[in-house]
Amino acid sequence: MMNTAKKVEQNPSVQVTQKKVLKKRSSPFTLGEKVIAAVFAAFVCFASLHIITAQAEIYSTNKDIQQLESDVLAQENVNNDLTIQVSQMSTYERVWEKAKELGLTLNDSNVKVVQQP
């Protein structure tokens, strides 16, 4: 009997160790799918940046065009005003007035009429 008592005592002293099994968490996406998604996201960012840059250049060019058009319009107005001034100052009466102020006189013997062909 003694033998059986020892056996009973030995069994509780032996500790049963349980191995922890780590479960791998599997992602719903594979590595290839993740790479494709990253490349697609990078492409979308690049395309967006390119479109925004192009729109900014278009806006700048349109602004320059409008500025030049307003400058041309202002210069045309100045040119028209100067043309009107030239036509006003070149009238016969004004020329005769200036000639009198400078002391010039009209001598009919020095005037020659030229006929136009």
N, C-alpha and C. Protein backbone atom coordinates (compact mmCIF):
# COMPACT_ATOMS: atom_id res chain seq x y z
N MET A 1 0.78 -1.18 0.00
CA MET A 1 0.00 0.00 0.00
C MET A 1 0.83 1.26 0.00
N MET A 2 1.84 1.09 0.50
CA MET A 2 2.71 2.24 0.57
C MET A 2 3.11 2.71 -0.84
N ASN A 3 3.22 1.78 -1.66
CA ASN A 3 3.59 2.11 -3.02
C ASN A 3 2.52 2.93 -3.71
N THR A 4 1.31 2.61 -3.48
CA THR A 4 0.23 3.35 -4.09
C THR A 4 0.11 4.75 -3.51
N ALA A 5 0.44 4.88 -2.24
CA ALA A 5 0.36 6.20 -1.65
C ALA A 5 1.39 7.12 -2.26
N LYS A 6 2.52 6.57 -2.55
CA LYS A 6 3.55 7.39 -3.16
C LYS A 6 3.15 7.83 -4.56
N LYS A 7 2.52 6.95 -5.22
CA LYS A 7 2.12 7.28 -6.58
C LYS A 7 1.08 8.39 -6.59
N VAL A 8 0.23 8.36 -5.60
CA VAL A 8 -0.78 9.40 -5.53
C VAL A 8 -0.12 10.73 -5.19
N GLU A 9 0.86 10.70 -4.36
CA GLU A 9 1.54 11.93 -4.00
C GLU A 9 2.35 12.50 -5.15
N GLN A 10 2.90 11.66 -5.94
CA GLN A 10 3.73 12.14 -7.03
C GLN A 10 2.89 12.80 -8.12
N ASN A 11 1.72 12.30 -8.33
CA ASN A 11 0.90 12.86 -9.39
C ASN A 11 0.54 14.33 -9.17
N PRO A 12 0.16 14.74 -7.94
CA PRO A 12 -0.16 16.15 -7.77
C PRO A 12 1.07 17.04 -7.87
N SER A 13 2.22 16.56 -7.56
CA SER A 13 3.39 17.41 -7.62
C SER A 13 3.81 17.72 -9.06
N VAL A 14 3.42 16.87 -9.96
CA VAL A 14 3.75 17.12 -11.36
C VAL A 14 2.75 18.14 -11.88
N GLN A 15 3.27 19.22 -12.33
CA GLN A 15 2.38 20.28 -12.82
C GLN A 15 2.17 20.12 -14.32
N VAL A 16 0.98 20.27 -14.68
CA VAL A 16 0.65 20.17 -16.10
C VAL A 16 0.77 21.58 -16.69
N THR A 17 1.63 21.71 -17.67
CA THR A 17 1.81 23.01 -18.31
C THR A 17 1.03 23.05 -19.61
N GLN A 18 0.32 24.06 -19.74
CA GLN A 18 -0.45 24.22 -20.96
C GLN A 18 0.31 25.16 -21.90
N LYS A 19 0.37 24.76 -23.12
CA LYS A 19 1.04 25.59 -24.12
C LYS A 19 0.03 26.59 -24.67
N LYS A 20 0.46 27.82 -24.69
CA LYS A 20 -0.41 28.85 -25.26
C LYS A 20 -0.22 28.84 -26.77
N VAL A 21 -1.26 28.69 -27.45
CA VAL A 21 -1.22 28.67 -28.90
C VAL A 21 -1.63 30.07 -29.38
N LEU A 22 -0.71 30.73 -30.05
CA LEU A 22 -1.02 32.05 -30.58
C LEU A 22 -1.68 31.89 -31.94
N LYS A 23 -2.81 32.48 -32.06
CA LYS A 23 -3.50 32.43 -33.34
C LYS A 23 -3.00 33.59 -34.21
N LYS A 24 -2.71 33.29 -35.44
CA LYS A 24 -2.32 34.35 -36.36
C LYS A 24 -3.57 35.10 -36.79
N ARG A 25 -3.47 36.36 -36.67
CA ARG A 25 -4.59 37.17 -37.15
C ARG A 25 -4.37 37.39 -38.64
N SER A 26 -5.26 36.94 -39.40
CA SER A 26 -5.11 37.11 -40.83
C SER A 26 -5.89 38.34 -41.27
N SER A 27 -5.23 39.15 -42.08
CA SER A 27 -5.84 40.37 -42.58
C SER A 27 -6.78 40.00 -43.72
N PRO A 28 -7.85 40.75 -43.89
CA PRO A 28 -8.75 40.44 -45.01
C PRO A 28 -8.11 40.79 -46.37
N PHE A 29 -7.00 41.54 -46.35
CA PHE A 29 -6.34 41.93 -47.59
C PHE A 29 -4.97 41.29 -47.66
N THR A 30 -4.59 40.88 -48.84
CA THR A 30 -3.26 40.29 -49.02
C THR A 30 -2.25 41.40 -49.22
N LEU A 31 -0.98 41.03 -49.20
CA LEU A 31 0.08 42.02 -49.38
C LEU A 31 0.00 42.66 -50.76
N GLY A 32 -0.30 41.86 -51.77
CA GLY A 32 -0.43 42.41 -53.13
C GLY A 32 -1.55 43.43 -53.24
N GLU A 33 -2.67 43.14 -52.58
CA GLU A 33 -3.78 44.09 -52.60
C GLU A 33 -3.41 45.39 -51.90
N LYS A 34 -2.66 45.28 -50.81
CA LYS A 34 -2.22 46.48 -50.08
C LYS A 34 -1.28 47.31 -50.94
N VAL A 35 -0.37 46.66 -51.67
CA VAL A 35 0.56 47.38 -52.55
C VAL A 35 -0.20 48.07 -53.66
N ILE A 36 -1.15 47.37 -54.26
CA ILE A 36 -1.95 47.97 -55.33
C ILE A 36 -2.73 49.17 -54.81
N ALA A 37 -3.30 49.06 -53.61
CA ALA A 37 -4.06 50.17 -53.02
C ALA A 37 -3.14 51.36 -52.75
N ALA A 38 -1.90 51.09 -52.27
CA ALA A 38 -0.96 52.18 -52.00
C ALA A 38 -0.55 52.87 -53.29
N VAL A 39 -0.30 52.08 -54.34
CA VAL A 39 0.08 52.67 -55.64
C VAL A 39 -1.07 53.49 -56.19
N PHE A 40 -2.29 52.98 -56.07
CA PHE A 40 -3.45 53.73 -56.55
C PHE A 40 -3.62 55.03 -55.78
N ALA A 41 -3.45 54.98 -54.47
CA ALA A 41 -3.56 56.20 -53.66
C ALA A 41 -2.49 57.22 -54.04
N ALA A 42 -1.27 56.75 -54.29
CA ALA A 42 -0.20 57.65 -54.70
C ALA A 42 -0.52 58.26 -56.06
N PHE A 43 -1.07 57.46 -56.97
CA PHE A 43 -1.43 57.98 -58.29
C PHE A 43 -2.52 59.03 -58.19
N VAL A 44 -3.52 58.79 -57.35
CA VAL A 44 -4.60 59.76 -57.17
C VAL A 44 -4.05 61.07 -56.60
N CYS A 45 -3.14 60.97 -55.63
CA CYS A 45 -2.53 62.19 -55.06
C CYS A 45 -1.73 62.94 -56.12
N PHE A 46 -0.96 62.20 -56.91
CA PHE A 46 -0.15 62.84 -57.97
C PHE A 46 -1.04 63.50 -59.01
N ALA A 47 -2.09 62.79 -59.44
CA ALA A 47 -3.01 63.35 -60.44
C ALA A 47 -3.72 64.59 -59.89
N SER A 48 -4.13 64.56 -58.64
CA SER A 48 -4.79 65.71 -58.03
C SER A 48 -3.86 66.91 -57.98
N LEU A 49 -2.62 66.65 -57.58
CA LEU A 49 -1.63 67.73 -57.52
C LEU A 49 -1.38 68.31 -58.91
N HIS A 50 -1.30 67.46 -59.91
CA HIS A 50 -1.06 67.92 -61.28
C HIS A 50 -2.24 68.77 -61.78
N ILE A 51 -3.46 68.34 -61.50
CA ILE A 51 -4.64 69.08 -61.92
C ILE A 51 -4.70 70.44 -61.23
N ILE A 52 -4.42 70.47 -59.94
CA ILE A 52 -4.45 71.74 -59.20
C ILE A 52 -3.38 72.69 -59.72
N THR A 53 -2.20 72.17 -60.02
CA THR A 53 -1.13 73.01 -60.56
C THR A 53 -1.53 73.58 -61.92
N ALA A 54 -2.12 72.74 -62.77
CA ALA A 54 -2.54 73.21 -64.09
C ALA A 54 -3.61 74.29 -63.97
N GLN A 55 -4.56 74.11 -63.05
CA GLN A 55 -5.61 75.12 -62.86
C GLN A 55 -5.02 76.44 -62.36
N ALA A 56 -4.02 76.36 -61.49
CA ALA A 56 -3.38 77.58 -60.99
C ALA A 56 -2.67 78.30 -62.13
N GLU A 57 -2.01 77.57 -63.02
CA GLU A 57 -1.34 78.19 -64.16
C GLU A 57 -2.36 78.82 -65.11
N ILE A 58 -3.48 78.13 -65.33
CA ILE A 58 -4.53 78.68 -66.20
C ILE A 58 -5.09 79.96 -65.60
N TYR A 59 -5.32 79.97 -64.30
CA TYR A 59 -5.84 81.16 -63.63
C TYR A 59 -4.85 82.32 -63.78
N SER A 60 -3.58 82.04 -63.58
CA SER A 60 -2.56 83.08 -63.70
C SER A 60 -2.50 83.62 -65.12
N THR A 61 -2.56 82.74 -66.10
CA THR A 61 -2.51 83.17 -67.50
C THR A 61 -3.74 84.01 -67.85
N ASN A 62 -4.91 83.59 -67.40
CA ASN A 62 -6.13 84.36 -67.66
C ASN A 62 -6.05 85.74 -67.02
N LYS A 63 -5.49 85.80 -65.83
CA LYS A 63 -5.33 87.08 -65.14
C LYS A 63 -4.40 87.99 -65.95
N ASP A 64 -3.31 87.44 -66.46
CA ASP A 64 -2.39 88.23 -67.28
C ASP A 64 -3.05 88.70 -68.56
N ILE A 65 -3.84 87.83 -69.19
CA ILE A 65 -4.54 88.20 -70.43
C ILE A 65 -5.51 89.34 -70.16
N GLN A 66 -6.27 89.26 -69.09
CA GLN A 66 -7.22 90.33 -68.77
C GLN A 66 -6.50 91.64 -68.48
N GLN A 67 -5.35 91.56 -67.81
CA GLN A 67 -4.58 92.77 -67.53
C GLN A 67 -4.08 93.39 -68.83
N LEU A 68 -3.59 92.56 -69.74
CA LEU A 68 -3.11 93.08 -71.02
C LEU A 68 -4.25 93.67 -71.85
N GLU A 69 -5.41 93.02 -71.82
CA GLU A 69 -6.56 93.56 -72.55
C GLU A 69 -6.97 94.92 -72.01
N SER A 70 -6.94 95.08 -70.70
CA SER A 70 -7.31 96.39 -70.13
C SER A 70 -6.24 97.43 -70.47
N ASP A 71 -4.96 97.03 -70.52
CA ASP A 71 -3.90 97.96 -70.91
C ASP A 71 -4.06 98.38 -72.37
N VAL A 72 -4.40 97.41 -73.23
CA VAL A 72 -4.60 97.72 -74.66
C VAL A 72 -5.77 98.67 -74.83
N LEU A 73 -6.85 98.42 -74.10
CA LEU A 73 -8.03 99.28 -74.19
C LEU A 73 -7.69 100.71 -73.73
N ALA A 74 -6.94 100.83 -72.65
CA ALA A 74 -6.54 102.16 -72.16
C ALA A 74 -5.66 102.86 -73.19
N GLN A 75 -4.72 102.11 -73.80
CA GLN A 75 -3.84 102.71 -74.81
C GLN A 75 -4.63 103.12 -76.05
N GLU A 76 -5.64 102.34 -76.44
CA GLU A 76 -6.49 102.72 -77.58
C GLU A 76 -7.24 104.01 -77.28
N ASN A 77 -7.71 104.16 -76.05
CA ASN A 77 -8.40 105.40 -75.68
C ASN A 77 -7.46 106.59 -75.75
N VAL A 78 -6.22 106.41 -75.27
CA VAL A 78 -5.23 107.48 -75.34
C VAL A 78 -4.93 107.82 -76.80
N ASN A 79 -4.77 106.79 -77.64
CA ASN A 79 -4.49 107.03 -79.06
C ASN A 79 -5.65 107.77 -79.74
N ASN A 80 -6.88 107.40 -79.42
CA ASN A 80 -8.03 108.09 -80.01
C ASN A 80 -8.07 109.55 -79.57
N ASP A 81 -7.79 109.80 -78.29
CA ASP A 81 -7.75 111.18 -77.80
C ASP A 81 -6.67 111.99 -78.50
N LEU A 82 -5.52 111.37 -78.71
CA LEU A 82 -4.42 112.08 -79.40
C LEU A 82 -4.76 112.32 -80.86
N THR A 83 -5.44 111.38 -81.50
CA THR A 83 -5.86 111.58 -82.89
C THR A 83 -6.83 112.75 -83.00
N ILE A 84 -7.74 112.84 -82.04
CA ILE A 84 -8.70 113.96 -82.03
C ILE A 84 -7.95 115.27 -81.81
N GLN A 85 -6.96 115.26 -80.91
CA GLN A 85 -6.18 116.48 -80.67
C GLN A 85 -5.41 116.90 -81.91
N VAL A 86 -4.84 115.93 -82.62
CA VAL A 86 -4.09 116.25 -83.85
C VAL A 86 -5.03 116.86 -84.89
N SER A 87 -6.21 116.29 -85.04
CA SER A 87 -7.15 116.83 -86.03
C SER A 87 -7.62 118.23 -85.61
N GLN A 88 -7.77 118.48 -84.32
CA GLN A 88 -8.18 119.81 -83.87
C GLN A 88 -7.06 120.83 -84.05
N MET A 89 -5.84 120.43 -83.79
CA MET A 89 -4.73 121.37 -83.89
C MET A 89 -4.27 121.61 -85.31
N SER A 90 -4.65 120.74 -86.23
CA SER A 90 -4.19 120.93 -87.60
C SER A 90 -5.22 121.64 -88.48
N THR A 91 -6.23 122.23 -87.88
CA THR A 91 -7.21 122.96 -88.68
C THR A 91 -6.57 124.25 -89.21
N TYR A 92 -7.12 124.72 -90.31
CA TYR A 92 -6.57 125.91 -90.97
C TYR A 92 -6.63 127.13 -90.06
N GLU A 93 -7.73 127.28 -89.34
CA GLU A 93 -7.89 128.44 -88.48
C GLU A 93 -6.84 128.47 -87.38
N ARG A 94 -6.56 127.34 -86.78
CA ARG A 94 -5.58 127.29 -85.69
C ARG A 94 -4.17 127.56 -86.22
N VAL A 95 -3.86 127.00 -87.37
CA VAL A 95 -2.53 127.24 -87.96
C VAL A 95 -2.37 128.73 -88.27
N TRP A 96 -3.41 129.35 -88.81
CA TRP A 96 -3.36 130.77 -89.15
C TRP A 96 -3.20 131.61 -87.88
N GLU A 97 -3.89 131.21 -86.81
CA GLU A 97 -3.79 131.91 -85.54
C GLU A 97 -2.36 131.85 -84.99
N LYS A 98 -1.76 130.68 -85.02
CA LYS A 98 -0.38 130.51 -84.52
C LYS A 98 0.60 131.31 -85.39
N ALA A 99 0.35 131.34 -86.67
CA ALA A 99 1.23 132.09 -87.57
C ALA A 99 1.16 133.58 -87.24
N LYS A 100 -0.02 134.10 -86.94
CA LYS A 100 -0.16 135.51 -86.59
C LYS A 100 0.54 135.80 -85.27
N GLU A 101 0.45 134.85 -84.29
CA GLU A 101 1.12 135.04 -83.00
C GLU A 101 2.64 135.12 -83.18
N LEU A 102 3.15 134.40 -84.14
CA LEU A 102 4.60 134.40 -84.38
C LEU A 102 5.04 135.54 -85.29
N GLY A 103 4.08 136.31 -85.75
CA GLY A 103 4.41 137.48 -86.55
C GLY A 103 4.49 137.19 -88.04
N LEU A 104 3.95 136.14 -88.49
CA LEU A 104 3.96 135.81 -89.92
C LEU A 104 2.75 136.44 -90.59
N THR A 105 2.92 136.79 -91.85
CA THR A 105 1.82 137.37 -92.61
C THR A 105 1.61 136.55 -93.88
N LEU A 106 0.41 136.66 -94.42
CA LEU A 106 0.08 135.91 -95.63
C LEU A 106 0.35 136.80 -96.83
N ASN A 107 1.24 136.37 -97.70
CA ASN A 107 1.57 137.08 -98.92
C ASN A 107 1.08 136.22 -100.08
N ASP A 108 0.03 136.72 -100.77
CA ASP A 108 -0.58 135.93 -101.84
C ASP A 108 0.37 135.70 -103.00
N SER A 109 1.37 136.55 -103.16
CA SER A 109 2.30 136.36 -104.28
C SER A 109 3.25 135.18 -104.03
N ASN A 110 3.40 134.78 -102.78
CA ASN A 110 4.28 133.65 -102.47
C ASN A 110 3.53 132.31 -102.39
N VAL A 111 2.22 132.37 -102.55
CA VAL A 111 1.42 131.15 -102.46
C VAL A 111 1.27 130.58 -103.86
N LYS A 112 1.60 129.29 -103.97
CA LYS A 112 1.44 128.59 -105.25
C LYS A 112 0.44 127.48 -105.06
N VAL A 113 -0.43 127.33 -106.02
CA VAL A 113 -1.46 126.28 -105.96
C VAL A 113 -0.98 125.11 -106.78
N VAL A 114 -1.02 123.97 -106.19
CA VAL A 114 -0.60 122.76 -106.88
C VAL A 114 -1.84 121.89 -107.07
N GLN A 115 -2.01 121.49 -108.29
CA GLN A 115 -3.17 120.64 -108.56
C GLN A 115 -2.79 119.18 -108.33
N GLN A 116 -3.72 118.48 -107.75
CA GLN A 116 -3.47 117.07 -107.46
C GLN A 116 -3.91 116.22 -108.67
N PRO A 117 -3.16 115.25 -109.01
CA PRO A 117 -3.51 114.43 -110.19
C PRO A 117 -4.69 113.53 -109.93
